[in-house]
Amino acid sequence: MTGMAQPASPLSVGSLAQLTLSLIAIVALILAISWALKRLKLAGPRGSGEMAVIDEMSLGPRERIVLVRVGDSQVLVGVGPSGVTPLTPLAAPIVLKGAAQAPAFAERLRDMIKRPGGSA
């Protein structure tokens, strides 16, 4: 029985170190993606129904002005480290130029999906 080699343990120091580094890399990747989505404001829709954030403008590292739609009216609010401050309700609603492009893209996407060669 001296000629038989013992099998390597699956819980060796090298495999545990590799597993730990892989998990750290995955968590770091998730955090980096979430930071990038938040920074680029690609995190998805920010409102539906009667209230929605229409647009926002950064004024500094922690301050911004936000245009909020509430029902049929729009309200301009300031957001900063001290909280949310109502600035003014707008008499006439603002129509954003980028808002008119969204339905055109949605229609084109629907047309592409409905085509016989389209996916989904």
PDB file of N, CA and C in Angstrom:
ATOM      1  N   MET A   1       0.797  -1.186   0.000  1.00  0.00           N
ATOM      2  CA  MET A   1       0.000   0.000   0.000  1.00  0.00           C
ATOM      3  C   MET A   1       0.849   1.263   0.000  1.00  0.00           C
ATOM      4  N   THR A   2       2.107   1.102  -0.106  1.00  0.00           N
ATOM      5  CA  THR A   2       2.973   2.274  -0.139  1.00  0.00           C
ATOM      6  C   THR A   2       2.968   2.929  -1.514  1.00  0.00           C
ATOM      7  N   GLY A   3       2.552   2.224  -2.558  1.00  0.00           N
ATOM      8  CA  GLY A   3       2.560   2.770  -3.909  1.00  0.00           C
ATOM      9  C   GLY A   3       1.331   3.601  -4.237  1.00  0.00           C
ATOM     10  N   MET A   4       0.328   3.606  -3.380  1.00  0.00           N
ATOM     11  CA  MET A   4      -0.906   4.362  -3.669  1.00  0.00           C
ATOM     12  C   MET A   4      -0.749   5.817  -3.239  1.00  0.00           C
ATOM     13  N   ALA A   5      -1.057   6.719  -4.147  1.00  0.00           N
ATOM     14  CA  ALA A   5      -0.977   8.156  -3.835  1.00  0.00           C
ATOM     15  C   ALA A   5      -2.307   8.614  -3.247  1.00  0.00           C
ATOM     16  N   GLN A   6      -2.216   9.495  -2.289  1.00  0.00           N
ATOM     17  CA  GLN A   6      -3.430  10.008  -1.686  1.00  0.00           C
ATOM     18  C   GLN A   6      -4.002  11.103  -2.582  1.00  0.00           C
ATOM     19  N   PRO A   7      -5.336  11.148  -2.781  1.00  0.00           N
ATOM     20  CA  PRO A   7      -5.934  12.199  -3.616  1.00  0.00           C
ATOM     21  C   PRO A   7      -5.810  13.557  -2.934  1.00  0.00           C
ATOM     22  N   ALA A   8      -5.694  14.573  -3.755  1.00  0.00           N
ATOM     23  CA  ALA A   8      -5.583  15.934  -3.223  1.00  0.00           C
ATOM     24  C   ALA A   8      -6.917  16.346  -2.600  1.00  0.00           C
ATOM     25  N   SER A   9      -6.845  17.071  -1.523  1.00  0.00           N
ATOM     26  CA  SER A   9      -8.039  17.531  -0.824  1.00  0.00           C
ATOM     27  C   SER A   9      -8.701  18.649  -1.631  1.00  0.00           C
ATOM     28  N   PRO A  10     -10.012  18.600  -1.817  1.00  0.00           N
ATOM     29  CA  PRO A  10     -10.680  19.657  -2.565  1.00  0.00           C
ATOM     30  C   PRO A  10     -10.701  20.987  -1.794  1.00  0.00           C
ATOM     31  N   LEU A  11     -10.405  20.967  -0.502  1.00  0.00           N
ATOM     32  CA  LEU A  11     -10.410  22.186   0.304  1.00  0.00           C
ATOM     33  C   LEU A  11      -8.990  22.623   0.624  1.00  0.00           C
ATOM     34  N   SER A  12      -8.143  22.633  -0.368  1.00  0.00           N
ATOM     35  CA  SER A  12      -6.773  23.071  -0.152  1.00  0.00           C
ATOM     36  C   SER A  12      -6.724  24.592  -0.035  1.00  0.00           C
ATOM     37  N   VAL A  13      -5.611  25.097   0.430  1.00  0.00           N
ATOM     38  CA  VAL A  13      -5.444  26.539   0.616  1.00  0.00           C
ATOM     39  C   VAL A  13      -5.542  27.265  -0.732  1.00  0.00           C
ATOM     40  N   GLY A  14      -4.993  26.697  -1.756  1.00  0.00           N
ATOM     41  CA  GLY A  14      -5.035  27.321  -3.085  1.00  0.00           C
ATOM     42  C   GLY A  14      -6.454  27.435  -3.625  1.00  0.00           C
ATOM     43  N   SER A  15      -7.253  26.389  -3.478  1.00  0.00           N
ATOM     44  CA  SER A  15      -8.619  26.439  -3.994  1.00  0.00           C
ATOM     45  C   SER A  15      -9.489  27.392  -3.178  1.00  0.00           C
ATOM     46  N   LEU A  16      -9.273  27.461  -1.869  1.00  0.00           N
ATOM     47  CA  LEU A  16     -10.024  28.399  -1.042  1.00  0.00           C
ATOM     48  C   LEU A  16      -9.646  29.846  -1.375  1.00  0.00           C
ATOM     49  N   ALA A  17      -8.365  30.092  -1.624  1.00  0.00           N
ATOM     50  CA  ALA A  17      -7.927  31.434  -1.994  1.00  0.00           C
ATOM     51  C   ALA A  17      -8.519  31.836  -3.341  1.00  0.00           C
ATOM     52  N   GLN A  18      -8.539  30.919  -4.293  1.00  0.00           N
ATOM     53  CA  GLN A  18      -9.111  31.197  -5.605  1.00  0.00           C
ATOM     54  C   GLN A  18     -10.612  31.474  -5.491  1.00  0.00           C
ATOM     55  N   LEU A  19     -11.313  30.702  -4.679  1.00  0.00           N
ATOM     56  CA  LEU A  19     -12.740  30.908  -4.473  1.00  0.00           C
ATOM     57  C   LEU A  19     -13.007  32.266  -3.838  1.00  0.00           C
ATOM     58  N   THR A  20     -12.215  32.628  -2.841  1.00  0.00           N
ATOM     59  CA  THR A  20     -12.385  33.916  -2.164  1.00  0.00           C
ATOM     60  C   THR A  20     -12.133  35.075  -3.122  1.00  0.00           C
ATOM     61  N   LEU A  21     -11.070  35.002  -3.901  1.00  0.00           N
ATOM     62  CA  LEU A  21     -10.780  36.067  -4.864  1.00  0.00           C
ATOM     63  C   LEU A  21     -11.855  36.171  -5.938  1.00  0.00           C
ATOM     64  N   SER A  22     -12.399  35.052  -6.366  1.00  0.00           N
ATOM     65  CA  SER A  22     -13.477  35.070  -7.363  1.00  0.00           C
ATOM     66  C   SER A  22     -14.723  35.750  -6.806  1.00  0.00           C
ATOM     67  N   LEU A  23     -15.072  35.429  -5.564  1.00  0.00           N
ATOM     68  CA  LEU A  23     -16.243  36.053  -4.947  1.00  0.00           C
ATOM     69  C   LEU A  23     -16.046  37.555  -4.756  1.00  0.00           C
ATOM     70  N   ILE A  24     -14.848  37.951  -4.350  1.00  0.00           N
ATOM     71  CA  ILE A  24     -14.554  39.382  -4.188  1.00  0.00           C
ATOM     72  C   ILE A  24     -14.657  40.093  -5.531  1.00  0.00           C
ATOM     73  N   ALA A  25     -14.160  39.465  -6.596  1.00  0.00           N
ATOM     74  CA  ALA A  25     -14.226  40.064  -7.930  1.00  0.00           C
ATOM     75  C   ALA A  25     -15.670  40.213  -8.397  1.00  0.00           C
ATOM     76  N   ILE A  26     -16.518  39.235  -8.123  1.00  0.00           N
ATOM     77  CA  ILE A  26     -17.922  39.295  -8.537  1.00  0.00           C
ATOM     78  C   ILE A  26     -18.654  40.402  -7.786  1.00  0.00           C
ATOM     79  N   VAL A  27     -18.432  40.491  -6.477  1.00  0.00           N
ATOM     80  CA  VAL A  27     -19.077  41.547  -5.680  1.00  0.00           C
ATOM     81  C   VAL A  27     -18.600  42.922  -6.147  1.00  0.00           C
ATOM     82  N   ALA A  28     -17.309  43.065  -6.434  1.00  0.00           N
ATOM     83  CA  ALA A  28     -16.775  44.342  -6.925  1.00  0.00           C
ATOM     84  C   ALA A  28     -17.394  44.696  -8.278  1.00  0.00           C
ATOM     85  N   LEU A  29     -17.588  43.710  -9.147  1.00  0.00           N
ATOM     86  CA  LEU A  29     -18.207  43.951 -10.450  1.00  0.00           C
ATOM     87  C   LEU A  29     -19.657  44.411 -10.286  1.00  0.00           C
ATOM     88  N   ILE A  30     -20.399  43.782  -9.394  1.00  0.00           N
ATOM     89  CA  ILE A  30     -21.788  44.183  -9.142  1.00  0.00           C
ATOM     90  C   ILE A  30     -21.848  45.614  -8.624  1.00  0.00           C
ATOM     91  N   LEU A  31     -20.970  45.958  -7.688  1.00  0.00           N
ATOM     92  CA  LEU A  31     -20.945  47.319  -7.148  1.00  0.00           C
ATOM     93  C   LEU A  31     -20.562  48.341  -8.218  1.00  0.00           C
ATOM     94  N   ALA A  32     -19.612  47.988  -9.070  1.00  0.00           N
ATOM     95  CA  ALA A  32     -19.194  48.902 -10.136  1.00  0.00           C
ATOM     96  C   ALA A  32     -20.318  49.125 -11.147  1.00  0.00           C
ATOM     97  N   ILE A  33     -21.036  48.085 -11.505  1.00  0.00           N
ATOM     98  CA  ILE A  33     -22.148  48.230 -12.449  1.00  0.00           C
ATOM     99  C   ILE A  33     -23.258  49.069 -11.847  1.00  0.00           C
ATOM    100  N   SER A  34     -23.594  48.827 -10.573  1.00  0.00           N
ATOM    101  CA  SER A  34     -24.655  49.624  -9.948  1.00  0.00           C
ATOM    102  C   SER A  34     -24.246  51.086  -9.825  1.00  0.00           C
ATOM    103  N   TRP A  35     -22.978  51.350  -9.517  1.00  0.00           N
ATOM    104  CA  TRP A  35     -22.492  52.731  -9.443  1.00  0.00           C
ATOM    105  C   TRP A  35     -22.596  53.399 -10.814  1.00  0.00           C
ATOM    106  N   ALA A  36     -22.187  52.665 -11.865  1.00  0.00           N
ATOM    107  CA  ALA A  36     -22.221  53.230 -13.218  1.00  0.00           C
ATOM    108  C   ALA A  36     -23.657  53.513 -13.655  1.00  0.00           C
ATOM    109  N   LEU A  37     -24.583  52.610 -13.359  1.00  0.00           N
ATOM    110  CA  LEU A  37     -25.978  52.836 -13.724  1.00  0.00           C
ATOM    111  C   LEU A  37     -26.551  54.033 -12.978  1.00  0.00           C
ATOM    112  N   LYS A  38     -26.201  54.163 -11.720  1.00  0.00           N
ATOM    113  CA  LYS A  38     -26.681  55.298 -10.939  1.00  0.00           C
ATOM    114  C   LYS A  38     -26.073  56.594 -11.453  1.00  0.00           C
ATOM    115  N   ARG A  39     -24.804  56.562 -11.771  1.00  0.00           N
ATOM    116  CA  ARG A  39     -24.105  57.750 -12.238  1.00  0.00           C
ATOM    117  C   ARG A  39     -24.609  58.197 -13.611  1.00  0.00           C
ATOM    118  N   LEU A  40     -24.882  57.237 -14.490  1.00  0.00           N
ATOM    119  CA  LEU A  40     -25.348  57.551 -15.835  1.00  0.00           C
ATOM    120  C   LEU A  40     -26.865  57.662 -15.917  1.00  0.00           C
ATOM    121  N   LYS A  41     -27.533  57.445 -14.800  1.00  0.00           N
ATOM    122  CA  LYS A  41     -28.996  57.535 -14.703  1.00  0.00           C
ATOM    123  C   LYS A  41     -29.677  56.580 -15.677  1.00  0.00           C
ATOM    124  N   LEU A  42     -29.167  55.356 -15.737  1.00  0.00           N
ATOM    125  CA  LEU A  42     -29.750  54.329 -16.588  1.00  0.00           C
ATOM    126  C   LEU A  42     -30.441  53.258 -15.764  1.00  0.00           C
ATOM    127  N   ALA A  43     -30.799  53.581 -14.553  1.00  0.00           N
ATOM    128  CA  ALA A  43     -31.344  52.588 -13.648  1.00  0.00           C
ATOM    129  C   ALA A  43     -32.784  52.225 -13.941  1.00  0.00           C
ATOM    130  N   GLY A  44     -33.422  52.836 -14.891  1.00  0.00           N
ATOM    131  CA  GLY A  44     -34.778  52.477 -15.229  1.00  0.00           C
ATOM    132  C   GLY A  44     -35.750  53.617 -14.984  1.00  0.00           C
ATOM    133  N   PRO A  45     -37.038  53.309 -15.120  1.00  0.00           N
ATOM    134  CA  PRO A  45     -38.037  54.354 -14.963  1.00  0.00           C
ATOM    135  C   PRO A  45     -38.064  54.893 -13.543  1.00  0.00           C
ATOM    136  N   ARG A  46     -38.312  56.191 -13.435  1.00  0.00           N
ATOM    137  CA  ARG A  46     -38.311  56.821 -12.129  1.00  0.00           C
ATOM    138  C   ARG A  46     -39.677  57.390 -11.802  1.00  0.00           C
ATOM    139  N   GLY A  47     -40.696  56.699 -12.141  1.00  0.00           N
ATOM    140  CA  GLY A  47     -42.024  57.170 -11.796  1.00  0.00           C
ATOM    141  C   GLY A  47     -43.053  56.653 -12.774  1.00  0.00           C
ATOM    142  N   SER A  48     -44.249  56.500 -12.272  1.00  0.00           N
ATOM    143  CA  SER A  48     -45.337  56.082 -13.130  1.00  0.00           C
ATOM    144  C   SER A  48     -46.626  56.549 -12.482  1.00  0.00           C
ATOM    145  N   GLY A  49     -47.682  56.492 -13.211  1.00  0.00           N
ATOM    146  CA  GLY A  49     -48.949  56.914 -12.651  1.00  0.00           C
ATOM    147  C   GLY A  49     -49.050  58.424 -12.590  1.00  0.00           C
ATOM    148  N   GLU A  50     -49.441  58.944 -11.449  1.00  0.00           N
ATOM    149  CA  GLU A  50     -49.700  60.368 -11.299  1.00  0.00           C
ATOM    150  C   GLU A  50     -48.461  61.190 -10.958  1.00  0.00           C
ATOM    151  N   MET A  51     -47.359  60.545 -10.520  1.00  0.00           N
ATOM    152  CA  MET A  51     -46.146  61.281 -10.162  1.00  0.00           C
ATOM    153  C   MET A  51     -44.952  60.683 -10.888  1.00  0.00           C
ATOM    154  N   ALA A  52     -44.070  61.558 -11.385  1.00  0.00           N
ATOM    155  CA  ALA A  52     -42.866  61.087 -12.067  1.00  0.00           C
ATOM    156  C   ALA A  52     -41.821  62.191 -12.068  1.00  0.00           C
ATOM    157  N   VAL A  53     -40.557  61.771 -12.064  1.00  0.00           N
ATOM    158  CA  VAL A  53     -39.451  62.712 -12.226  1.00  0.00           C
ATOM    159  C   VAL A  53     -39.251  62.900 -13.722  1.00  0.00           C
ATOM    160  N   ILE A  54     -39.423  64.125 -14.199  1.00  0.00           N
ATOM    161  CA  ILE A  54     -39.318  64.403 -15.624  1.00  0.00           C
ATOM    162  C   ILE A  54     -37.867  64.634 -16.031  1.00  0.00           C
ATOM    163  N   ASP A  55     -37.172  65.487 -15.280  1.00  0.00           N
ATOM    164  CA  ASP A  55     -35.792  65.805 -15.606  1.00  0.00           C
ATOM    165  C   ASP A  55     -35.100  66.321 -14.361  1.00  0.00           C
ATOM    166  N   GLU A  56     -33.797  66.305 -14.384  1.00  0.00           N
ATOM    167  CA  GLU A  56     -33.027  66.862 -13.273  1.00  0.00           C
ATOM    168  C   GLU A  56     -31.733  67.441 -13.792  1.00  0.00           C
ATOM    169  N   MET A  57     -31.210  68.415 -13.041  1.00  0.00           N
ATOM    170  CA  MET A  57     -29.962  69.066 -13.408  1.00  0.00           C
ATOM    171  C   MET A  57     -29.088  69.147 -12.161  1.00  0.00           C
ATOM    172  N   SER A  58     -27.861  68.696 -12.285  1.00  0.00           N
ATOM    173  CA  SER A  58     -26.926  68.728 -11.170  1.00  0.00           C
ATOM    174  C   SER A  58     -26.337  70.122 -11.036  1.00  0.00           C
ATOM    175  N   LEU A  59     -26.344  70.627  -9.800  1.00  0.00           N
ATOM    176  CA  LEU A  59     -25.775  71.943  -9.531  1.00  0.00           C
ATOM    177  C   LEU A  59     -24.423  71.850  -8.847  1.00  0.00           C
ATOM    178  N   GLY A  60     -24.156  70.727  -8.250  1.00  0.00           N
ATOM    179  CA  GLY A  60     -22.914  70.502  -7.523  1.00  0.00           C
ATOM    180  C   GLY A  60     -22.791  69.023  -7.208  1.00  0.00           C
ATOM    181  N   PRO A  61     -21.822  68.658  -6.386  1.00  0.00           N
ATOM    182  CA  PRO A  61     -21.641  67.239  -6.096  1.00  0.00           C
ATOM    183  C   PRO A  61     -22.823  66.616  -5.354  1.00  0.00           C
ATOM    184  N   ARG A  62     -23.555  67.412  -4.564  1.00  0.00           N
ATOM    185  CA  ARG A  62     -24.666  66.850  -3.796  1.00  0.00           C
ATOM    186  C   ARG A  62     -25.958  67.642  -3.935  1.00  0.00           C
ATOM    187  N   GLU A  63     -25.991  68.611  -4.839  1.00  0.00           N
ATOM    188  CA  GLU A  63     -27.174  69.436  -5.030  1.00  0.00           C
ATOM    189  C   GLU A  63     -27.676  69.304  -6.463  1.00  0.00           C
ATOM    190  N   ARG A  64     -28.998  69.301  -6.605  1.00  0.00           N
ATOM    191  CA  ARG A  64     -29.585  69.254  -7.940  1.00  0.00           C
ATOM    192  C   ARG A  64     -30.989  69.848  -7.910  1.00  0.00           C
ATOM    193  N   ILE A  65     -31.460  70.230  -9.088  1.00  0.00           N
ATOM    194  CA  ILE A  65     -32.825  70.716  -9.277  1.00  0.00           C
ATOM    195  C   ILE A  65     -33.572  69.621 -10.025  1.00  0.00           C
ATOM    196  N   VAL A  66     -34.779  69.314  -9.559  1.00  0.00           N
ATOM    197  CA  VAL A  66     -35.558  68.219 -10.130  1.00  0.00           C
ATOM    198  C   VAL A  66     -36.916  68.759 -10.564  1.00  0.00           C
ATOM    199  N   LEU A  67     -37.320  68.406 -11.789  1.00  0.00           N
ATOM    200  CA  LEU A  67     -38.639  68.748 -12.305  1.00  0.00           C
ATOM    201  C   LEU A  67     -39.538  67.533 -12.120  1.00  0.00           C
ATOM    202  N   VAL A  68     -40.588  67.695 -11.314  1.00  0.00           N
ATOM    203  CA  VAL A  68     -41.476  66.585 -10.960  1.00  0.00           C
ATOM    204  C   VAL A  68     -42.853  66.853 -11.531  1.00  0.00           C
ATOM    205  N   ARG A  69     -43.438  65.811 -12.151  1.00  0.00           N
ATOM    206  CA  ARG A  69     -44.811  65.909 -12.645  1.00  0.00           C
ATOM    207  C   ARG A  69     -45.738  65.310 -11.595  1.00  0.00           C
ATOM    208  N   VAL A  70     -46.738  66.088 -11.188  1.00  0.00           N
ATOM    209  CA  VAL A  70     -47.749  65.620 -10.244  1.00  0.00           C
ATOM    210  C   VAL A  70     -49.097  65.854 -10.906  1.00  0.00           C
ATOM    211  N   GLY A  71     -49.711  64.792 -11.374  1.00  0.00           N
ATOM    212  CA  GLY A  71     -50.973  64.935 -12.106  1.00  0.00           C
ATOM    213  C   GLY A  71     -50.740  65.685 -13.398  1.00  0.00           C
ATOM    214  N   ASP A  72     -51.443  66.798 -13.576  1.00  0.00           N
ATOM    215  CA  ASP A  72     -51.298  67.613 -14.783  1.00  0.00           C
ATOM    216  C   ASP A  72     -50.346  68.779 -14.585  1.00  0.00           C
ATOM    217  N   SER A  73     -49.849  68.987 -13.374  1.00  0.00           N
ATOM    218  CA  SER A  73     -48.964  70.117 -13.114  1.00  0.00           C
ATOM    219  C   SER A  73     -47.527  69.650 -12.899  1.00  0.00           C
ATOM    220  N   GLN A  74     -46.615  70.594 -12.993  1.00  0.00           N
ATOM    221  CA  GLN A  74     -45.199  70.319 -12.781  1.00  0.00           C
ATOM    222  C   GLN A  74     -44.687  71.208 -11.656  1.00  0.00           C
ATOM    223  N   VAL A  75     -43.780  70.643 -10.846  1.00  0.00           N
ATOM    224  CA  VAL A  75     -43.218  71.359  -9.710  1.00  0.00           C
ATOM    225  C   VAL A  75     -41.710  71.262  -9.796  1.00  0.00           C
ATOM    226  N   LEU A  76     -41.035  72.375  -9.559  1.00  0.00           N
ATOM    227  CA  LEU A  76     -39.580  72.420  -9.531  1.00  0.00           C
ATOM    228  C   LEU A  76     -39.140  72.358  -8.070  1.00  0.00           C
ATOM    229  N   VAL A  77     -38.290  71.379  -7.728  1.00  0.00           N
ATOM    230  CA  VAL A  77     -37.818  71.231  -6.348  1.00  0.00           C
ATOM    231  C   VAL A  77     -36.299  71.171  -6.331  1.00  0.00           C
ATOM    232  N   GLY A  78     -35.719  71.597  -5.230  1.00  0.00           N
ATOM    233  CA  GLY A  78     -34.287  71.502  -5.023  1.00  0.00           C
ATOM    234  C   GLY A  78     -33.984  70.353  -4.085  1.00  0.00           C
ATOM    235  N   VAL A  79     -32.973  69.562  -4.416  1.00  0.00           N
ATOM    236  CA  VAL A  79     -32.586  68.428  -3.594  1.00  0.00           C
ATOM    237  C   VAL A  79     -31.136  68.615  -3.189  1.00  0.00           C
ATOM    238  N   GLY A  80     -30.879  68.524  -1.899  1.00  0.00           N
ATOM    239  CA  GLY A  80     -29.527  68.704  -1.390  1.00  0.00           C
ATOM    240  C   GLY A  80     -29.327  67.915  -0.113  1.00  0.00           C
ATOM    241  N   PRO A  81     -28.193  68.076   0.528  1.00  0.00           N
ATOM    242  CA  PRO A  81     -27.912  67.330   1.754  1.00  0.00           C
ATOM    243  C   PRO A  81     -28.887  67.651   2.885  1.00  0.00           C
ATOM    244  N   SER A  82     -29.469  68.845   2.869  1.00  0.00           N
ATOM    245  CA  SER A  82     -30.407  69.220   3.927  1.00  0.00           C
ATOM    246  C   SER A  82     -31.818  68.713   3.668  1.00  0.00           C
ATOM    247  N   GLY A  83     -32.088  68.178   2.481  1.00  0.00           N
ATOM    248  CA  GLY A  83     -33.406  67.643   2.169  1.00  0.00           C
ATOM    249  C   GLY A  83     -33.944  68.185   0.866  1.00  0.00           C
ATOM    250  N   VAL A  84     -35.268  68.082   0.727  1.00  0.00           N
ATOM    251  CA  VAL A  84     -35.959  68.530  -0.479  1.00  0.00           C
ATOM    252  C   VAL A  84     -36.642  69.859  -0.179  1.00  0.00           C
ATOM    253  N   THR A  85     -36.406  70.838  -1.065  1.00  0.00           N
ATOM    254  CA  THR A  85     -36.987  72.166  -0.883  1.00  0.00           C
ATOM    255  C   THR A  85     -37.854  72.494  -2.090  1.00  0.00           C
ATOM    256  N   PRO A  86     -39.151  72.765  -1.881  1.00  0.00           N
ATOM    257  CA  PRO A  86     -39.981  73.150  -3.034  1.00  0.00           C
ATOM    258  C   PRO A  86     -39.562  74.529  -3.518  1.00  0.00           C
ATOM    259  N   LEU A  87     -39.307  74.645  -4.816  1.00  0.00           N
ATOM    260  CA  LEU A  87     -38.890  75.931  -5.376  1.00  0.00           C
ATOM    261  C   LEU A  87     -40.093  76.691  -5.928  1.00  0.00           C
ATOM    262  N   THR A  88     -40.779  76.097  -6.900  1.00  0.00           N
ATOM    263  CA  THR A  88     -41.943  76.776  -7.476  1.00  0.00           C
ATOM    264  C   THR A  88     -42.776  75.798  -8.298  1.00  0.00           C
ATOM    265  N   PRO A  89     -44.094  75.920  -8.219  1.00  0.00           N
ATOM    266  CA  PRO A  89     -44.925  75.195  -9.193  1.00  0.00           C
ATOM    267  C   PRO A  89     -44.911  75.971 -10.505  1.00  0.00           C
ATOM    268  N   LEU A  90     -44.874  75.273 -11.608  1.00  0.00           N
ATOM    269  CA  LEU A  90     -44.804  75.932 -12.911  1.00  0.00           C
ATOM    270  C   LEU A  90     -46.208  76.220 -13.442  1.00  0.00           C
ATOM    271  N   ALA A  91     -46.422  77.424 -13.954  1.00  0.00           N
ATOM    272  CA  ALA A  91     -47.722  77.810 -14.498  1.00  0.00           C
ATOM    273  C   ALA A  91     -48.004  77.061 -15.803  1.00  0.00           C
ATOM    274  N   ALA A  92     -47.002  76.969 -16.667  1.00  0.00           N
ATOM    275  CA  ALA A  92     -47.149  76.258 -17.941  1.00  0.00           C
ATOM    276  C   ALA A  92     -46.200  75.056 -17.931  1.00  0.00           C
ATOM    277  N   PRO A  93     -46.712  73.872 -18.238  1.00  0.00           N
ATOM    278  CA  PRO A  93     -45.843  72.681 -18.238  1.00  0.00           C
ATOM    279  C   PRO A  93     -44.734  72.794 -19.280  1.00  0.00           C
ATOM    280  N   ILE A  94     -43.566  72.281 -18.922  1.00  0.00           N
ATOM    281  CA  ILE A  94     -42.422  72.258 -19.827  1.00  0.00           C
ATOM    282  C   ILE A  94     -42.474  70.977 -20.641  1.00  0.00           C
ATOM    283  N   VAL A  95     -42.326  71.096 -21.947  1.00  0.00           N
ATOM    284  CA  VAL A  95     -42.277  69.935 -22.826  1.00  0.00           C
ATOM    285  C   VAL A  95     -40.826  69.736 -23.219  1.00  0.00           C
ATOM    286  N   LEU A  96     -40.273  68.588 -22.862  1.00  0.00           N
ATOM    287  CA  LEU A  96     -38.872  68.298 -23.159  1.00  0.00           C
ATOM    288  C   LEU A  96     -38.725  67.815 -24.591  1.00  0.00           C
ATOM    289  N   LYS A  97     -37.635  68.203 -25.234  1.00  0.00           N
ATOM    290  CA  LYS A  97     -37.379  67.788 -26.607  1.00  0.00           C
ATOM    291  C   LYS A  97     -37.136  66.291 -26.694  1.00  0.00           C
ATOM    292  N   GLY A  98     -36.459  65.699 -25.710  1.00  0.00           N
ATOM    293  CA  GLY A  98     -36.159  64.267 -25.721  1.00  0.00           C
ATOM    294  C   GLY A  98     -37.397  63.415 -25.530  1.00  0.00           C
ATOM    295  N   ALA A  99     -38.456  63.962 -24.940  1.00  0.00           N
ATOM    296  CA  ALA A  99     -39.669  63.193 -24.690  1.00  0.00           C
ATOM    297  C   ALA A  99     -40.384  62.843 -25.985  1.00  0.00           C
ATOM    298  N   ALA A 100     -40.249  63.672 -27.005  1.00  0.00           N
ATOM    299  CA  ALA A 100     -40.918  63.405 -28.280  1.00  0.00           C
ATOM    300  C   ALA A 100     -40.237  62.265 -29.035  1.00  0.00           C
ATOM    301  N   GLN A 101     -38.974  61.976 -28.741  1.00  0.00           N
ATOM    302  CA  GLN A 101     -38.260  60.922 -29.448  1.00  0.00           C
ATOM    303  C   GLN A 101     -38.582  59.541 -28.901  1.00  0.00           C
ATOM    304  N   ALA A 102     -39.011  59.434 -27.665  1.00  0.00           N
ATOM    305  CA  ALA A 102     -39.251  58.139 -27.042  1.00  0.00           C
ATOM    306  C   ALA A 102     -40.335  57.328 -27.752  1.00  0.00           C
ATOM    307  N   PRO A 103     -41.510  57.904 -28.084  1.00  0.00           N
ATOM    308  CA  PRO A 103     -42.512  57.096 -28.776  1.00  0.00           C
ATOM    309  C   PRO A 103     -42.044  56.612 -30.138  1.00  0.00           C
ATOM    310  N   ALA A 104     -41.249  57.413 -30.845  1.00  0.00           N
ATOM    311  CA  ALA A 104     -40.761  56.987 -32.150  1.00  0.00           C
ATOM    312  C   ALA A 104     -39.876  55.744 -32.003  1.00  0.00           C
ATOM    313  N   PHE A 105     -39.022  55.727 -30.996  1.00  0.00           N
ATOM    314  CA  PHE A 105     -38.175  54.560 -30.776  1.00  0.00           C
ATOM    315  C   PHE A 105     -39.024  53.354 -30.390  1.00  0.00           C
ATOM    316  N   ALA A 106     -40.017  53.573 -29.524  1.00  0.00           N
ATOM    317  CA  ALA A 106     -40.884  52.475 -29.101  1.00  0.00           C
ATOM    318  C   ALA A 106     -41.642  51.893 -30.291  1.00  0.00           C
ATOM    319  N   GLU A 107     -42.108  52.765 -31.177  1.00  0.00           N
ATOM    320  CA  GLU A 107     -42.813  52.289 -32.365  1.00  0.00           C
ATOM    321  C   GLU A 107     -41.885  51.501 -33.282  1.00  0.00           C
ATOM    322  N   ARG A 108     -40.671  51.989 -33.471  1.00  0.00           N
ATOM    323  CA  ARG A 108     -39.710  51.269 -34.326  1.00  0.00           C
ATOM    324  C   ARG A 108     -39.373  49.911 -33.732  1.00  0.00           C
ATOM    325  N   LEU A 109     -39.217  49.847 -32.421  1.00  0.00           N
ATOM    326  CA  LEU A 109     -38.910  48.573 -31.763  1.00  0.00           C
ATOM    327  C   LEU A 109     -40.073  47.601 -31.931  1.00  0.00           C
ATOM    328  N   ARG A 110     -41.303  48.088 -31.761  1.00  0.00           N
ATOM    329  CA  ARG A 110     -42.477  47.230 -31.950  1.00  0.00           C
ATOM    330  C   ARG A 110     -42.546  46.706 -33.381  1.00  0.00           C
ATOM    331  N   ASP A 111     -42.248  47.567 -34.344  1.00  0.00           N
ATOM    332  CA  ASP A 111     -42.257  47.146 -35.744  1.00  0.00           C
ATOM    333  C   ASP A 111     -41.207  46.082 -36.015  1.00  0.00           C
ATOM    334  N   MET A 112     -40.025  46.243 -35.424  1.00  0.00           N
ATOM    335  CA  MET A 112     -38.959  45.261 -35.632  1.00  0.00           C
ATOM    336  C   MET A 112     -39.323  43.918 -35.014  1.00  0.00           C
ATOM    337  N   ILE A 113     -39.975  43.934 -33.875  1.00  0.00           N
ATOM    338  CA  ILE A 113     -40.361  42.683 -33.208  1.00  0.00           C
ATOM    339  C   ILE A 113     -41.473  41.981 -33.985  1.00  0.00           C
ATOM    340  N   LYS A 114     -42.393  42.759 -34.574  1.00  0.00           N
ATOM    341  CA  LYS A 114     -43.509  42.186 -35.305  1.00  0.00           C
ATOM    342  C   LYS A 114     -43.111  41.604 -36.656  1.00  0.00           C
ATOM    343  N   ARG A 115     -41.954  41.990 -37.184  1.00  0.00           N
ATOM    344  CA  ARG A 115     -41.494  41.477 -38.472  1.00  0.00           C
ATOM    345  C   ARG A 115     -41.312  39.961 -38.375  1.00  0.00           C
ATOM    346  N   PRO A 116     -41.501  39.260 -39.496  1.00  0.00           N
ATOM    347  CA  PRO A 116     -41.300  37.803 -39.481  1.00  0.00           C
ATOM    348  C   PRO A 116     -39.882  37.410 -39.098  1.00  0.00           C
ATOM    349  N   GLY A 117     -38.894  38.193 -39.433  1.00  0.00           N
ATOM    350  CA  GLY A 117     -37.511  37.862 -39.107  1.00  0.00           C
ATOM    351  C   GLY A 117     -37.083  38.401 -37.758  1.00  0.00           C
ATOM    352  N   GLY A 118     -37.960  39.132 -37.043  1.00  0.00           N
ATOM    353  CA  GLY A 118     -37.614  39.738 -35.763  1.00  0.00           C
ATOM    354  C   GLY A 118     -37.545  38.707 -34.659  1.00  0.00           C
ATOM    355  N   SER A 119     -36.801  39.040 -33.631  1.00  0.00           N
ATOM    356  CA  SER A 119     -36.690  38.120 -32.496  1.00  0.00           C
ATOM    357  C   SER A 119     -37.833  38.355 -31.538  1.00  0.00           C
ATOM    358  N   ALA A 120     -38.014  37.404 -30.611  1.00  0.00           N
ATOM    359  CA  ALA A 120     -39.017  37.427 -29.543  1.00  0.00           C
ATOM    360  C   ALA A 120     -40.388  37.152 -30.000  1.00  0.00           C
TER     361      ALA A 120
END
